[in-house]
PDB file of N, CA and C in Angstrom:
ATOM      1  N   MET A   1      -8.855   7.675  23.170  1.00  0.00           N
ATOM      2  CA  MET A   1      -8.472   6.439  22.522  1.00  0.00           C
ATOM      3  C   MET A   1      -9.719   5.791  21.948  1.00  0.00           C
ATOM      4  N   VAL A   2      -9.634   5.395  20.699  1.00  0.00           N
ATOM      5  CA  VAL A   2     -10.772   4.809  20.014  1.00  0.00           C
ATOM      6  C   VAL A   2     -10.683   3.299  20.129  1.00  0.00           C
ATOM      7  N   LEU A   3     -11.772   2.684  20.544  1.00  0.00           N
ATOM      8  CA  LEU A   3     -11.831   1.234  20.656  1.00  0.00           C
ATOM      9  C   LEU A   3     -12.809   0.699  19.622  1.00  0.00           C
ATOM     10  N   TYR A   4     -12.447  -0.383  18.986  1.00  0.00           N
ATOM     11  CA  TYR A   4     -13.293  -1.015  17.987  1.00  0.00           C
ATOM     12  C   TYR A   4     -13.712  -2.382  18.501  1.00  0.00           C
ATOM     13  N   ASN A   5     -14.990  -2.637  18.530  1.00  0.00           N
ATOM     14  CA  ASN A   5     -15.504  -3.924  18.970  1.00  0.00           C
ATOM     15  C   ASN A   5     -15.624  -4.818  17.743  1.00  0.00           C
ATOM     16  N   LEU A   6     -14.647  -5.687  17.556  1.00  0.00           N
ATOM     17  CA  LEU A   6     -14.664  -6.593  16.409  1.00  0.00           C
ATOM     18  C   LEU A   6     -15.226  -7.952  16.770  1.00  0.00           C
ATOM     19  N   SER A   7     -15.681  -8.123  18.010  1.00  0.00           N
ATOM     20  CA  SER A   7     -16.210  -9.423  18.413  1.00  0.00           C
ATOM     21  C   SER A   7     -17.610  -9.654  17.876  1.00  0.00           C
ATOM     22  N   GLY A   8     -18.302  -8.607  17.505  1.00  0.00           N
ATOM     23  CA  GLY A   8     -19.670  -8.751  17.037  1.00  0.00           C
ATOM     24  C   GLY A   8     -19.801  -8.710  15.529  1.00  0.00           C
ATOM     25  N   ILE A   9     -18.757  -9.060  14.806  1.00  0.00           N
ATOM     26  CA  ILE A   9     -18.818  -9.027  13.344  1.00  0.00           C
ATOM     27  C   ILE A   9     -19.692 -10.173  12.849  1.00  0.00           C
ATOM     28  N   GLU A  10     -20.628  -9.848  11.993  1.00  0.00           N
ATOM     29  CA  GLU A  10     -21.518 -10.865  11.448  1.00  0.00           C
ATOM     30  C   GLU A  10     -21.095 -11.206  10.025  1.00  0.00           C
ATOM     31  N   ASN A  11     -21.434 -12.382   9.596  1.00  0.00           N
ATOM     32  CA  ASN A  11     -21.202 -12.874   8.240  1.00  0.00           C
ATOM     33  C   ASN A  11     -19.717 -12.919   7.875  1.00  0.00           C
ATOM     34  N   VAL A  12     -18.860 -13.230   8.807  1.00  0.00           N
ATOM     35  CA  VAL A  12     -17.443 -13.403   8.515  1.00  0.00           C
ATOM     36  C   VAL A  12     -17.222 -14.872   8.227  1.00  0.00           C
ATOM     37  N   THR A  13     -16.808 -15.166   6.990  1.00  0.00           N
ATOM     38  CA  THR A  13     -16.643 -16.559   6.582  1.00  0.00           C
ATOM     39  C   THR A  13     -15.191 -16.945   6.373  1.00  0.00           C
ATOM     40  N   GLY A  14     -14.303 -15.980   6.354  1.00  0.00           N
ATOM     41  CA  GLY A  14     -12.899 -16.291   6.150  1.00  0.00           C
ATOM     42  C   GLY A  14     -12.033 -15.091   6.461  1.00  0.00           C
ATOM     43  N   LEU A  15     -10.758 -15.231   6.145  1.00  0.00           N
ATOM     44  CA  LEU A  15      -9.805 -14.170   6.433  1.00  0.00           C
ATOM     45  C   LEU A  15     -10.093 -12.921   5.610  1.00  0.00           C
ATOM     46  N   GLY A  16     -10.469 -13.090   4.351  1.00  0.00           N
ATOM     47  CA  GLY A  16     -10.751 -11.941   3.488  1.00  0.00           C
ATOM     48  C   GLY A  16     -11.922 -11.118   3.980  1.00  0.00           C
ATOM     49  N   SER A  17     -12.978 -11.774   4.389  1.00  0.00           N
ATOM     50  CA  SER A  17     -14.133 -11.026   4.893  1.00  0.00           C
ATOM     51  C   SER A  17     -13.833 -10.409   6.261  1.00  0.00           C
ATOM     52  N   PHE A  18     -12.962 -11.053   7.061  1.00  0.00           N
ATOM     53  CA  PHE A  18     -12.576 -10.467   8.341  1.00  0.00           C
ATOM     54  C   PHE A  18     -11.749  -9.206   8.120  1.00  0.00           C
ATOM     55  N   ILE A  19     -10.806  -9.244   7.169  1.00  0.00           N
ATOM     56  CA  ILE A  19     -10.002  -8.053   6.878  1.00  0.00           C
ATOM     57  C   ILE A  19     -10.888  -6.945   6.323  1.00  0.00           C
ATOM     58  N   GLY A  20     -11.830  -7.302   5.454  1.00  0.00           N
ATOM     59  CA  GLY A  20     -12.747  -6.307   4.909  1.00  0.00           C
ATOM     60  C   GLY A  20     -13.609  -5.665   5.980  1.00  0.00           C
ATOM     61  N   ALA A  21     -14.126  -6.471   6.906  1.00  0.00           N
ATOM     62  CA  ALA A  21     -14.951  -5.929   7.990  1.00  0.00           C
ATOM     63  C   ALA A  21     -14.110  -5.082   8.941  1.00  0.00           C
ATOM     64  N   SER A  22     -12.882  -5.521   9.226  1.00  0.00           N
ATOM     65  CA  SER A  22     -11.999  -4.741  10.101  1.00  0.00           C
ATOM     66  C   SER A  22     -11.600  -3.429   9.445  1.00  0.00           C
ATOM     67  N   ASN A  23     -11.372  -3.479   8.139  1.00  0.00           N
ATOM     68  CA  ASN A  23     -11.023  -2.261   7.406  1.00  0.00           C
ATOM     69  C   ASN A  23     -12.192  -1.283   7.398  1.00  0.00           C
ATOM     70  N   ASP A  24     -13.400  -1.787   7.247  1.00  0.00           N
ATOM     71  CA  ASP A  24     -14.579  -0.919   7.305  1.00  0.00           C
ATOM     72  C   ASP A  24     -14.759  -0.322   8.694  1.00  0.00           C
ATOM     73  N   ALA A  25     -14.460  -1.110   9.729  1.00  0.00           N
ATOM     74  CA  ALA A  25     -14.621  -0.629  11.099  1.00  0.00           C
ATOM     75  C   ALA A  25     -13.609   0.463  11.434  1.00  0.00           C
ATOM     76  N   THR A  26     -12.430   0.423  10.814  1.00  0.00           N
ATOM     77  CA  THR A  26     -11.407   1.436  11.084  1.00  0.00           C
ATOM     78  C   THR A  26     -11.460   2.588  10.096  1.00  0.00           C
ATOM     79  N   GLY A  27     -12.460   2.618   9.268  1.00  0.00           N
ATOM     80  CA  GLY A  27     -12.601   3.721   8.319  1.00  0.00           C
ATOM     81  C   GLY A  27     -11.640   3.630   7.152  1.00  0.00           C
ATOM     82  N   GLY A  28     -11.191   2.427   6.804  1.00  0.00           N
ATOM     83  CA  GLY A  28     -10.300   2.231   5.668  1.00  0.00           C
ATOM     84  C   GLY A  28      -8.827   2.410   5.973  1.00  0.00           C
ATOM     85  N   LEU A  29      -8.468   2.533   7.242  1.00  0.00           N
ATOM     86  CA  LEU A  29      -7.068   2.755   7.598  1.00  0.00           C
ATOM     87  C   LEU A  29      -6.261   1.474   7.715  1.00  0.00           C
ATOM     88  N   LEU A  30      -6.883   0.358   8.009  1.00  0.00           N
ATOM     89  CA  LEU A  30      -6.152  -0.875   8.286  1.00  0.00           C
ATOM     90  C   LEU A  30      -5.305  -1.305   7.097  1.00  0.00           C
ATOM     91  N   VAL A  31      -5.891  -1.463   5.959  1.00  0.00           N
ATOM     92  CA  VAL A  31      -5.157  -1.947   4.783  1.00  0.00           C
ATOM     93  C   VAL A  31      -4.236  -0.853   4.244  1.00  0.00           C
ATOM     94  N   GLY A  32      -4.640   0.403   4.356  1.00  0.00           N
ATOM     95  CA  GLY A  32      -3.773   1.494   3.925  1.00  0.00           C
ATOM     96  C   GLY A  32      -2.484   1.556   4.729  1.00  0.00           C
ATOM     97  N   LEU A  33      -2.585   1.339   6.027  1.00  0.00           N
ATOM     98  CA  LEU A  33      -1.385   1.329   6.857  1.00  0.00           C
ATOM     99  C   LEU A  33      -0.558   0.073   6.635  1.00  0.00           C
ATOM    100  N   PHE A  34      -1.207  -1.051   6.321  1.00  0.00           N
ATOM    101  CA  PHE A  34      -0.451  -2.252   5.930  1.00  0.00           C
ATOM    102  C   PHE A  34       0.355  -1.980   4.668  1.00  0.00           C
ATOM    103  N   LEU A  35      -0.245  -1.286   3.716  1.00  0.00           N
ATOM    104  CA  LEU A  35       0.452  -0.962   2.478  1.00  0.00           C
ATOM    105  C   LEU A  35       1.614  -0.011   2.744  1.00  0.00           C
ATOM    106  N   LEU A  36       1.424   0.953   3.623  1.00  0.00           N
ATOM    107  CA  LEU A  36       2.510   1.854   4.007  1.00  0.00           C
ATOM    108  C   LEU A  36       3.644   1.084   4.683  1.00  0.00           C
ATOM    109  N   THR A  37       3.304   0.111   5.508  1.00  0.00           N
ATOM    110  CA  THR A  37       4.310  -0.717   6.161  1.00  0.00           C
ATOM    111  C   THR A  37       5.102  -1.525   5.143  1.00  0.00           C
ATOM    112  N   ILE A  38       4.419  -2.084   4.160  1.00  0.00           N
ATOM    113  CA  ILE A  38       5.104  -2.835   3.097  1.00  0.00           C
ATOM    114  C   ILE A  38       6.038  -1.909   2.328  1.00  0.00           C
ATOM    115  N   PHE A  39       5.599  -0.686   2.052  1.00  0.00           N
ATOM    116  CA  PHE A  39       6.432   0.277   1.341  1.00  0.00           C
ATOM    117  C   PHE A  39       7.709   0.579   2.128  1.00  0.00           C
ATOM    118  N   ILE A  40       7.582   0.809   3.426  1.00  0.00           N
ATOM    119  CA  ILE A  40       8.747   1.139   4.245  1.00  0.00           C
ATOM    120  C   ILE A  40       9.702  -0.046   4.349  1.00  0.00           C
ATOM    121  N   VAL A  41       9.174  -1.244   4.500  1.00  0.00           N
ATOM    122  CA  VAL A  41      10.036  -2.436   4.574  1.00  0.00           C
ATOM    123  C   VAL A  41      10.774  -2.639   3.254  1.00  0.00           C
ATOM    124  N   LEU A  42      10.078  -2.474   2.144  1.00  0.00           N
ATOM    125  CA  LEU A  42      10.741  -2.601   0.843  1.00  0.00           C
ATOM    126  C   LEU A  42      11.767  -1.505   0.626  1.00  0.00           C
ATOM    127  N   LEU A  43      11.463  -0.304   1.066  1.00  0.00           N
ATOM    128  CA  LEU A  43      12.419   0.798   0.941  1.00  0.00           C
ATOM    129  C   LEU A  43      13.691   0.504   1.727  1.00  0.00           C
ATOM    130  N   LEU A  44      13.540  -0.018   2.925  1.00  0.00           N
ATOM    131  CA  LEU A  44      14.706  -0.370   3.723  1.00  0.00           C
ATOM    132  C   LEU A  44      15.465  -1.560   3.134  1.00  0.00           C
ATOM    133  N   ALA A  45      14.751  -2.463   2.467  1.00  0.00           N
ATOM    134  CA  ALA A  45      15.425  -3.597   1.840  1.00  0.00           C
ATOM    135  C   ALA A  45      16.194  -3.169   0.591  1.00  0.00           C
ATOM    136  N   PHE A  46      15.669  -2.178  -0.135  1.00  0.00           N
ATOM    137  CA  PHE A  46      16.307  -1.725  -1.380  1.00  0.00           C
ATOM    138  C   PHE A  46      17.297  -0.584  -1.164  1.00  0.00           C
ATOM    139  N   ILE A  47      17.480  -0.133   0.070  1.00  0.00           N
ATOM    140  CA  ILE A  47      18.314   1.035   0.321  1.00  0.00           C
ATOM    141  C   ILE A  47      19.788   0.747   0.035  1.00  0.00           C
ATOM    142  N   LYS A  48      20.165  -0.523  -0.094  1.00  0.00           N
ATOM    143  CA  LYS A  48      21.556  -0.831  -0.426  1.00  0.00           C
ATOM    144  C   LYS A  48      21.899  -0.363  -1.841  1.00  0.00           C
ATOM    145  N   TYR A  49      20.878  -0.137  -2.642  1.00  0.00           N
ATOM    146  CA  TYR A  49      21.069   0.470  -3.951  1.00  0.00           C
ATOM    147  C   TYR A  49      20.952   1.983  -3.781  1.00  0.00           C
ATOM    148  N   ASP A  50      20.912   2.686  -4.849  1.00  0.00           N
ATOM    149  CA  ASP A  50      20.701   4.140  -4.828  1.00  0.00           C
ATOM    150  C   ASP A  50      19.326   4.454  -4.224  1.00  0.00           C
ATOM    151  N   PHE A  51      19.184   5.630  -3.571  1.00  0.00           N
ATOM    152  CA  PHE A  51      17.917   5.992  -2.935  1.00  0.00           C
ATOM    153  C   PHE A  51      16.793   6.116  -3.952  1.00  0.00           C
ATOM    154  N   VAL A  52      17.097   6.680  -5.117  1.00  0.00           N
ATOM    155  CA  VAL A  52      16.063   6.839  -6.141  1.00  0.00           C
ATOM    156  C   VAL A  52      15.609   5.466  -6.637  1.00  0.00           C
ATOM    157  N   ARG A  53      16.546   4.548  -6.788  1.00  0.00           N
ATOM    158  CA  ARG A  53      16.184   3.182  -7.192  1.00  0.00           C
ATOM    159  C   ARG A  53      15.349   2.495  -6.112  1.00  0.00           C
ATOM    160  N   ALA A  54      15.679   2.736  -4.861  1.00  0.00           N
ATOM    161  CA  ALA A  54      14.931   2.127  -3.762  1.00  0.00           C
ATOM    162  C   ALA A  54      13.493   2.638  -3.727  1.00  0.00           C
ATOM    163  N   VAL A  55      13.311   3.941  -3.877  1.00  0.00           N
ATOM    164  CA  VAL A  55      11.962   4.507  -3.877  1.00  0.00           C
ATOM    165  C   VAL A  55      11.175   4.030  -5.093  1.00  0.00           C
ATOM    166  N   THR A  56      11.832   3.989  -6.249  1.00  0.00           N
ATOM    167  CA  THR A  56      11.146   3.547  -7.460  1.00  0.00           C
ATOM    168  C   THR A  56      10.745   2.086  -7.367  1.00  0.00           C
ATOM    169  N   GLY A  57      11.640   1.245  -6.899  1.00  0.00           N
ATOM    170  CA  GLY A  57      11.327  -0.179  -6.787  1.00  0.00           C
ATOM    171  C   GLY A  57      10.244  -0.468  -5.773  1.00  0.00           C
ATOM    172  N   SER A  58      10.334   0.146  -4.613  1.00  0.00           N
ATOM    173  CA  SER A  58       9.319  -0.111  -3.594  1.00  0.00           C
ATOM    174  C   SER A  58       7.970   0.481  -3.972  1.00  0.00           C
ATOM    175  N   SER A  59       7.963   1.637  -4.616  1.00  0.00           N
ATOM    176  CA  SER A  59       6.679   2.208  -5.038  1.00  0.00           C
ATOM    177  C   SER A  59       6.059   1.407  -6.177  1.00  0.00           C
ATOM    178  N   PHE A  60       6.887   0.827  -7.056  1.00  0.00           N
ATOM    179  CA  PHE A  60       6.334   0.001  -8.139  1.00  0.00           C
ATOM    180  C   PHE A  60       5.692  -1.265  -7.580  1.00  0.00           C
ATOM    181  N   ILE A  61       6.362  -1.927  -6.649  1.00  0.00           N
ATOM    182  CA  ILE A  61       5.799  -3.151  -6.061  1.00  0.00           C
ATOM    183  C   ILE A  61       4.529  -2.834  -5.286  1.00  0.00           C
ATOM    184  N   CYS A  62       4.538  -1.752  -4.540  1.00  0.00           N
ATOM    185  CA  CYS A  62       3.335  -1.362  -3.800  1.00  0.00           C
ATOM    186  C   CYS A  62       2.229  -0.897  -4.732  1.00  0.00           C
ATOM    187  N   PHE A  63       2.587  -0.324  -5.886  1.00  0.00           N
ATOM    188  CA  PHE A  63       1.575   0.050  -6.877  1.00  0.00           C
ATOM    189  C   PHE A  63       0.861  -1.187  -7.418  1.00  0.00           C
ATOM    190  N   ILE A  64       1.614  -2.231  -7.698  1.00  0.00           N
ATOM    191  CA  ILE A  64       1.005  -3.478  -8.183  1.00  0.00           C
ATOM    192  C   ILE A  64       0.082  -4.054  -7.108  1.00  0.00           C
ATOM    193  N   ILE A  65       0.521  -4.054  -5.868  1.00  0.00           N
ATOM    194  CA  ILE A  65      -0.313  -4.554  -4.778  1.00  0.00           C
ATOM    195  C   ILE A  65      -1.559  -3.687  -4.613  1.00  0.00           C
ATOM    196  N   SER A  66      -1.390  -2.371  -4.757  1.00  0.00           N
ATOM    197  CA  SER A  66      -2.524  -1.465  -4.544  1.00  0.00           C
ATOM    198  C   SER A  66      -3.586  -1.598  -5.626  1.00  0.00           C
ATOM    199  N   THR A  67      -3.205  -2.015  -6.843  1.00  0.00           N
ATOM    200  CA  THR A  67      -4.229  -2.214  -7.872  1.00  0.00           C
ATOM    201  C   THR A  67      -5.195  -3.321  -7.467  1.00  0.00           C
ATOM    202  N   PHE A  68      -4.682  -4.375  -6.853  1.00  0.00           N
ATOM    203  CA  PHE A  68      -5.563  -5.439  -6.384  1.00  0.00           C
ATOM    204  C   PHE A  68      -6.402  -4.981  -5.195  1.00  0.00           C
ATOM    205  N   LEU A  69      -5.804  -4.178  -4.323  1.00  0.00           N
ATOM    206  CA  LEU A  69      -6.540  -3.700  -3.154  1.00  0.00           C
ATOM    207  C   LEU A  69      -7.626  -2.705  -3.536  1.00  0.00           C
ATOM    208  N   VAL A  70      -7.389  -1.905  -4.569  1.00  0.00           N
ATOM    209  CA  VAL A  70      -8.437  -0.995  -5.059  1.00  0.00           C
ATOM    210  C   VAL A  70      -9.556  -1.796  -5.691  1.00  0.00           C
ATOM    211  N   TYR A  71      -9.193  -2.851  -6.423  1.00  0.00           N
ATOM    212  CA  TYR A  71     -10.213  -3.713  -7.031  1.00  0.00           C
ATOM    213  C   TYR A  71     -11.080  -4.376  -5.966  1.00  0.00           C
ATOM    214  N   LEU A  72     -10.474  -4.754  -4.835  1.00  0.00           N
ATOM    215  CA  LEU A  72     -11.232  -5.344  -3.735  1.00  0.00           C
ATOM    216  C   LEU A  72     -11.984  -4.297  -2.917  1.00  0.00           C
ATOM    217  N   ASP A  73     -11.760  -3.017  -3.235  1.00  0.00           N
ATOM    218  CA  ASP A  73     -12.375  -1.884  -2.544  1.00  0.00           C
ATOM    219  C   ASP A  73     -11.959  -1.833  -1.076  1.00  0.00           C
ATOM    220  N   TRP A  74     -10.685  -2.169  -0.815  1.00  0.00           N
ATOM    221  CA  TRP A  74     -10.137  -2.112   0.535  1.00  0.00           C
ATOM    222  C   TRP A  74      -9.368  -0.824   0.778  1.00  0.00           C
ATOM    223  N   ILE A  75      -8.894  -0.159  -0.288  1.00  0.00           N
ATOM    224  CA  ILE A  75      -8.224   1.130  -0.135  1.00  0.00           C
ATOM    225  C   ILE A  75      -8.804   2.098  -1.149  1.00  0.00           C
ATOM    226  N   ASN A  76      -8.563   3.354  -0.903  1.00  0.00           N
ATOM    227  CA  ASN A  76      -9.008   4.409  -1.801  1.00  0.00           C
ATOM    228  C   ASN A  76      -8.086   4.457  -3.021  1.00  0.00           C
ATOM    229  N   ILE A  77      -8.593   4.920  -4.133  1.00  0.00           N
ATOM    230  CA  ILE A  77      -7.802   4.981  -5.355  1.00  0.00           C
ATOM    231  C   ILE A  77      -6.671   6.000  -5.249  1.00  0.00           C
ATOM    232  N   LEU A  78      -6.755   6.919  -4.292  1.00  0.00           N
ATOM    233  CA  LEU A  78      -5.683   7.899  -4.110  1.00  0.00           C
ATOM    234  C   LEU A  78      -4.363   7.239  -3.725  1.00  0.00           C
ATOM    235  N   PHE A  79      -4.417   6.151  -2.947  1.00  0.00           N
ATOM    236  CA  PHE A  79      -3.198   5.411  -2.626  1.00  0.00           C
ATOM    237  C   PHE A  79      -2.519   4.929  -3.902  1.00  0.00           C
ATOM    238  N   MET A  80      -3.310   4.371  -4.798  1.00  0.00           N
ATOM    239  CA  MET A  80      -2.772   3.848  -6.050  1.00  0.00           C
ATOM    240  C   MET A  80      -2.206   4.970  -6.912  1.00  0.00           C
ATOM    241  N   LEU A  81      -2.886   6.103  -6.960  1.00  0.00           N
ATOM    242  CA  LEU A  81      -2.407   7.212  -7.783  1.00  0.00           C
ATOM    243  C   LEU A  81      -1.122   7.820  -7.225  1.00  0.00           C
ATOM    244  N   ILE A  82      -1.016   7.928  -5.901  1.00  0.00           N
ATOM    245  CA  ILE A  82       0.218   8.437  -5.303  1.00  0.00           C
ATOM    246  C   ILE A  82       1.385   7.512  -5.626  1.00  0.00           C
ATOM    247  N   LEU A  83       1.155   6.204  -5.521  1.00  0.00           N
ATOM    248  CA  LEU A  83       2.217   5.250  -5.841  1.00  0.00           C
ATOM    249  C   LEU A  83       2.554   5.272  -7.331  1.00  0.00           C
ATOM    250  N   LEU A  84       1.558   5.516  -8.179  1.00  0.00           N
ATOM    251  CA  LEU A  84       1.820   5.629  -9.615  1.00  0.00           C
ATOM    252  C   LEU A  84       2.700   6.833  -9.905  1.00  0.00           C
ATOM    253  N   PHE A  85       2.412   7.972  -9.268  1.00  0.00           N
ATOM    254  CA  PHE A  85       3.230   9.167  -9.486  1.00  0.00           C
ATOM    255  C   PHE A  85       4.627   9.014  -8.903  1.00  0.00           C
ATOM    256  N   LEU A  86       4.759   8.324  -7.772  1.00  0.00           N
ATOM    257  CA  LEU A  86       6.086   8.047  -7.222  1.00  0.00           C
ATOM    258  C   LEU A  86       6.898   7.165  -8.169  1.00  0.00           C
ATOM    259  N   THR A  87       6.256   6.153  -8.738  1.00  0.00           N
ATOM    260  CA  THR A  87       6.939   5.260  -9.677  1.00  0.00           C
ATOM    261  C   THR A  87       7.331   6.004 -10.943  1.00  0.00           C
ATOM    262  N   ALA A  88       6.421   6.810 -11.472  1.00  0.00           N
ATOM    263  CA  ALA A  88       6.718   7.554 -12.700  1.00  0.00           C
ATOM    264  C   ALA A  88       7.807   8.598 -12.462  1.00  0.00           C
ATOM    265  N   GLY A  89       7.730   9.289 -11.342  1.00  0.00           N
ATOM    266  CA  GLY A  89       8.764  10.277 -11.024  1.00  0.00           C
ATOM    267  C   GLY A  89      10.119   9.638 -10.803  1.00  0.00           C
ATOM    268  N   GLY A  90      10.147   8.512 -10.117  1.00  0.00           N
ATOM    269  CA  GLY A  90      11.405   7.803  -9.916  1.00  0.00           C
ATOM    270  C   GLY A  90      11.968   7.262 -11.209  1.00  0.00           C
ATOM    271  N   GLY A  91      11.101   6.750 -12.057  1.00  0.00           N
ATOM    272  CA  GLY A  91      11.553   6.273 -13.363  1.00  0.00           C
ATOM    273  C   GLY A  91      12.108   7.392 -14.220  1.00  0.00           C
ATOM    274  N   LEU A  92      11.461   8.556 -14.160  1.00  0.00           N
ATOM    275  CA  LEU A  92      11.962   9.712 -14.906  1.00  0.00           C
ATOM    276  C   LEU A  92      13.313  10.162 -14.375  1.00  0.00           C
ATOM    277  N   LEU A  93      13.472  10.195 -13.052  1.00  0.00           N
ATOM    278  CA  LEU A  93      14.763  10.564 -12.472  1.00  0.00           C
ATOM    279  C   LEU A  93      15.854   9.559 -12.838  1.00  0.00           C
ATOM    280  N   LEU A  94      15.505   8.292 -12.850  1.00  0.00           N
ATOM    281  CA  LEU A  94      16.482   7.270 -13.241  1.00  0.00           C
ATOM    282  C   LEU A  94      16.864   7.417 -14.704  1.00  0.00           C
ATOM    283  N   TYR A  95      15.888   7.749 -15.541  1.00  0.00           N
ATOM    284  CA  TYR A  95      16.160   7.926 -16.968  1.00  0.00           C
ATOM    285  C   TYR A  95      17.058   9.134 -17.209  1.00  0.00           C
ATOM    286  N   LEU A  96      16.791  10.236 -16.494  1.00  0.00           N
ATOM    287  CA  LEU A  96      17.595  11.444 -16.681  1.00  0.00           C
ATOM    288  C   LEU A  96      18.981  11.322 -16.034  1.00  0.00           C
ATOM    289  N   LYS A  97      19.108  10.483 -15.026  1.00  0.00           N
ATOM    290  CA  LYS A  97      20.367  10.341 -14.312  1.00  0.00           C
ATOM    291  C   LYS A  97      21.389   9.510 -15.080  1.00  0.00           C
ATOM    292  N   GLU A  98      20.906   8.557 -15.868  1.00  0.00           N
ATOM    293  CA  GLU A  98      21.835   7.691 -16.611  1.00  0.00           C
ATOM    294  C   GLU A  98      22.516   8.470 -17.717  1.00  0.00           C
ATOM    295  N   ASP A  99      23.793   8.161 -17.924  1.00  0.00           N
ATOM    296  CA  ASP A  99      24.557   8.864 -18.953  1.00  0.00           C
ATOM    297  C   ASP A  99      24.519   8.154 -20.286  1.00  0.00           C
TER     298      ASP A  99
END
């Protein structure tokens, strides 16, 4: 079990710097897993529609969020690219599915 000592964080002036320091301490997993959690919650919220629509909608919203997180350098750009391909693939499936 890996333990992280976050009590000795220096130069933390607010919530943003605390999240950044915590994300650095966990090797970039903290914000990435938060984004995955948001994706799953949105997917479950949109599941009352078609599954393809739910995946497309939740991946689009998470893609918008991930662009800001990549700009803040809190997540890797691969998260954003995966969400971009999920959104594009879902949009293509929706386009081909409509009559």
